[in-house]
Amino acid sequence: MIAEDDRVAAEIRSYATTKTGKIYENDYHMIFRIRAGKIAEVKEYTDLMHATEIFG
């Protein structure tokens, strides 16, 4: 996680097992824009094809 001016960037990894036993493991890159001490905007980048394969 890094922060500069009004932006914070974070790399995030998720891991979960679905009810059907499939493993969902994905990496994310998120950019937050802060205004007045609150999150004003979020952009998320991830592998949507993997999410579609697991969740349909």
N, C-alpha and C. Protein backbone atom coordinates (compact mmCIF):
# COMPACT_ATOMS: atom_id res chain seq x y z
N MET A 1 0.85 -1.15 0.00
CA MET A 1 0.00 0.00 0.00
C MET A 1 0.91 1.22 0.00
N ILE A 2 0.58 2.20 -0.87
CA ILE A 2 1.30 3.46 -0.89
C ILE A 2 0.30 4.60 -0.96
N ALA A 3 0.71 5.76 -0.48
CA ALA A 3 -0.16 6.93 -0.50
C ALA A 3 0.64 8.15 -0.92
N GLU A 4 -0.02 8.99 -1.71
CA GLU A 4 0.59 10.25 -2.12
C GLU A 4 -0.54 11.23 -2.43
N ASP A 5 -0.42 12.42 -1.89
CA ASP A 5 -1.46 13.45 -2.05
C ASP A 5 -2.81 12.89 -1.63
N ASP A 6 -3.80 12.89 -2.53
CA ASP A 6 -5.14 12.43 -2.18
C ASP A 6 -5.42 11.00 -2.66
N ARG A 7 -4.36 10.27 -3.04
CA ARG A 7 -4.54 8.92 -3.58
C ARG A 7 -3.81 7.86 -2.74
N VAL A 8 -4.46 6.71 -2.61
CA VAL A 8 -3.87 5.55 -1.94
C VAL A 8 -4.02 4.36 -2.89
N ALA A 9 -2.93 3.64 -3.13
CA ALA A 9 -2.96 2.46 -3.99
C ALA A 9 -2.65 1.23 -3.13
N ALA A 10 -3.38 0.14 -3.40
CA ALA A 10 -3.18 -1.08 -2.62
C ALA A 10 -3.24 -2.30 -3.52
N GLU A 11 -2.36 -3.27 -3.26
CA GLU A 11 -2.44 -4.58 -3.89
C GLU A 11 -3.07 -5.52 -2.87
N ILE A 12 -4.08 -6.26 -3.31
CA ILE A 12 -4.85 -7.09 -2.40
C ILE A 12 -5.00 -8.48 -3.00
N ARG A 13 -4.93 -9.52 -2.18
CA ARG A 13 -5.15 -10.89 -2.64
C ARG A 13 -6.31 -11.49 -1.86
N SER A 14 -7.21 -12.14 -2.58
CA SER A 14 -8.35 -12.79 -1.93
C SER A 14 -8.20 -14.31 -2.05
N TYR A 15 -8.80 -15.02 -1.12
CA TYR A 15 -8.82 -16.48 -1.15
C TYR A 15 -10.10 -16.94 -0.47
N ALA A 16 -10.84 -17.79 -1.15
CA ALA A 16 -12.08 -18.32 -0.57
C ALA A 16 -12.41 -19.65 -1.23
N THR A 17 -13.17 -20.46 -0.52
CA THR A 17 -13.72 -21.70 -1.06
C THR A 17 -15.22 -21.52 -1.19
N THR A 18 -15.74 -21.78 -2.38
CA THR A 18 -17.18 -21.63 -2.59
C THR A 18 -17.93 -22.80 -1.95
N LYS A 19 -19.24 -22.69 -1.89
CA LYS A 19 -20.05 -23.77 -1.34
C LYS A 19 -19.92 -25.05 -2.15
N THR A 20 -19.58 -24.91 -3.45
CA THR A 20 -19.42 -26.08 -4.31
C THR A 20 -18.00 -26.64 -4.26
N GLY A 21 -17.12 -26.02 -3.48
CA GLY A 21 -15.77 -26.52 -3.30
C GLY A 21 -14.73 -25.91 -4.23
N LYS A 22 -15.13 -25.00 -5.11
CA LYS A 22 -14.18 -24.34 -5.99
C LYS A 22 -13.35 -23.33 -5.20
N ILE A 23 -12.09 -23.19 -5.59
CA ILE A 23 -11.20 -22.23 -4.94
C ILE A 23 -11.20 -20.93 -5.74
N TYR A 24 -11.48 -19.84 -5.06
CA TYR A 24 -11.40 -18.52 -5.68
C TYR A 24 -10.21 -17.80 -5.05
N GLU A 25 -9.22 -17.53 -5.88
CA GLU A 25 -8.03 -16.81 -5.43
C GLU A 25 -7.72 -15.79 -6.51
N ASN A 26 -7.73 -14.52 -6.15
CA ASN A 26 -7.55 -13.48 -7.15
C ASN A 26 -6.74 -12.33 -6.57
N ASP A 27 -6.06 -11.63 -7.46
CA ASP A 27 -5.30 -10.43 -7.08
C ASP A 27 -6.05 -9.20 -7.55
N TYR A 28 -5.96 -8.15 -6.76
CA TYR A 28 -6.62 -6.88 -7.08
C TYR A 28 -5.61 -5.75 -6.95
N HIS A 29 -5.84 -4.72 -7.74
CA HIS A 29 -5.13 -3.46 -7.54
C HIS A 29 -6.23 -2.42 -7.38
N MET A 30 -6.20 -1.70 -6.27
CA MET A 30 -7.25 -0.71 -5.99
C MET A 30 -6.62 0.65 -5.77
N ILE A 31 -7.27 1.66 -6.32
CA ILE A 31 -6.84 3.04 -6.13
C ILE A 31 -7.99 3.80 -5.46
N PHE A 32 -7.69 4.40 -4.33
CA PHE A 32 -8.67 5.17 -3.57
C PHE A 32 -8.32 6.66 -3.69
N ARG A 33 -9.33 7.50 -3.87
CA ARG A 33 -9.14 8.94 -3.82
C ARG A 33 -9.85 9.44 -2.56
N ILE A 34 -9.14 10.21 -1.76
CA ILE A 34 -9.63 10.67 -0.46
C ILE A 34 -9.97 12.16 -0.54
N ARG A 35 -11.13 12.53 -0.01
CA ARG A 35 -11.52 13.93 0.11
C ARG A 35 -12.11 14.16 1.50
N ALA A 36 -11.64 15.16 2.17
CA ALA A 36 -12.14 15.52 3.51
C ALA A 36 -12.07 14.33 4.46
N GLY A 37 -11.01 13.51 4.33
CA GLY A 37 -10.81 12.38 5.23
C GLY A 37 -11.67 11.17 4.96
N LYS A 38 -12.40 11.18 3.83
CA LYS A 38 -13.28 10.06 3.49
C LYS A 38 -12.97 9.56 2.09
N ILE A 39 -13.29 8.30 1.84
CA ILE A 39 -13.10 7.73 0.50
C ILE A 39 -14.14 8.34 -0.43
N ALA A 40 -13.66 9.01 -1.49
CA ALA A 40 -14.56 9.66 -2.44
C ALA A 40 -14.70 8.86 -3.73
N GLU A 41 -13.68 8.05 -4.05
CA GLU A 41 -13.69 7.31 -5.32
C GLU A 41 -12.82 6.07 -5.17
N VAL A 42 -13.23 4.98 -5.82
CA VAL A 42 -12.44 3.75 -5.82
C VAL A 42 -12.42 3.20 -7.24
N LYS A 43 -11.24 2.80 -7.72
CA LYS A 43 -11.11 2.08 -8.97
C LYS A 43 -10.48 0.74 -8.64
N GLU A 44 -11.03 -0.33 -9.23
CA GLU A 44 -10.54 -1.68 -8.93
C GLU A 44 -10.19 -2.38 -10.23
N TYR A 45 -9.03 -3.02 -10.23
CA TYR A 45 -8.57 -3.79 -11.38
C TYR A 45 -8.34 -5.22 -10.90
N THR A 46 -8.92 -6.18 -11.63
CA THR A 46 -8.79 -7.58 -11.25
C THR A 46 -8.97 -8.48 -12.46
N ASP A 47 -8.81 -9.76 -12.29
CA ASP A 47 -8.99 -10.74 -13.36
C ASP A 47 -10.45 -11.18 -13.38
N LEU A 48 -11.25 -10.52 -14.18
CA LEU A 48 -12.68 -10.83 -14.22
C LEU A 48 -12.97 -12.19 -14.86
N MET A 49 -12.09 -12.64 -15.75
CA MET A 49 -12.31 -13.95 -16.36
C MET A 49 -12.25 -15.06 -15.29
N HIS A 50 -11.32 -14.93 -14.36
CA HIS A 50 -11.23 -15.93 -13.27
C HIS A 50 -12.51 -15.89 -12.43
N ALA A 51 -12.98 -14.71 -12.09
CA ALA A 51 -14.21 -14.60 -11.30
C ALA A 51 -15.38 -15.23 -12.04
N THR A 52 -15.46 -15.01 -13.35
CA THR A 52 -16.53 -15.60 -14.15
C THR A 52 -16.43 -17.13 -14.18
N GLU A 53 -15.22 -17.66 -14.29
CA GLU A 53 -15.01 -19.11 -14.28
C GLU A 53 -15.50 -19.73 -12.97
N ILE A 54 -15.27 -19.05 -11.86
CA ILE A 54 -15.64 -19.60 -10.55
C ILE A 54 -17.10 -19.38 -10.23
N PHE A 55 -17.60 -18.16 -10.46
CA PHE A 55 -18.95 -17.80 -10.03
C PHE A 55 -20.00 -17.86 -11.15
N GLY A 56 -19.56 -17.97 -12.39
CA GLY A 56 -20.51 -18.06 -13.51
C GLY A 56 -20.95 -16.76 -14.09
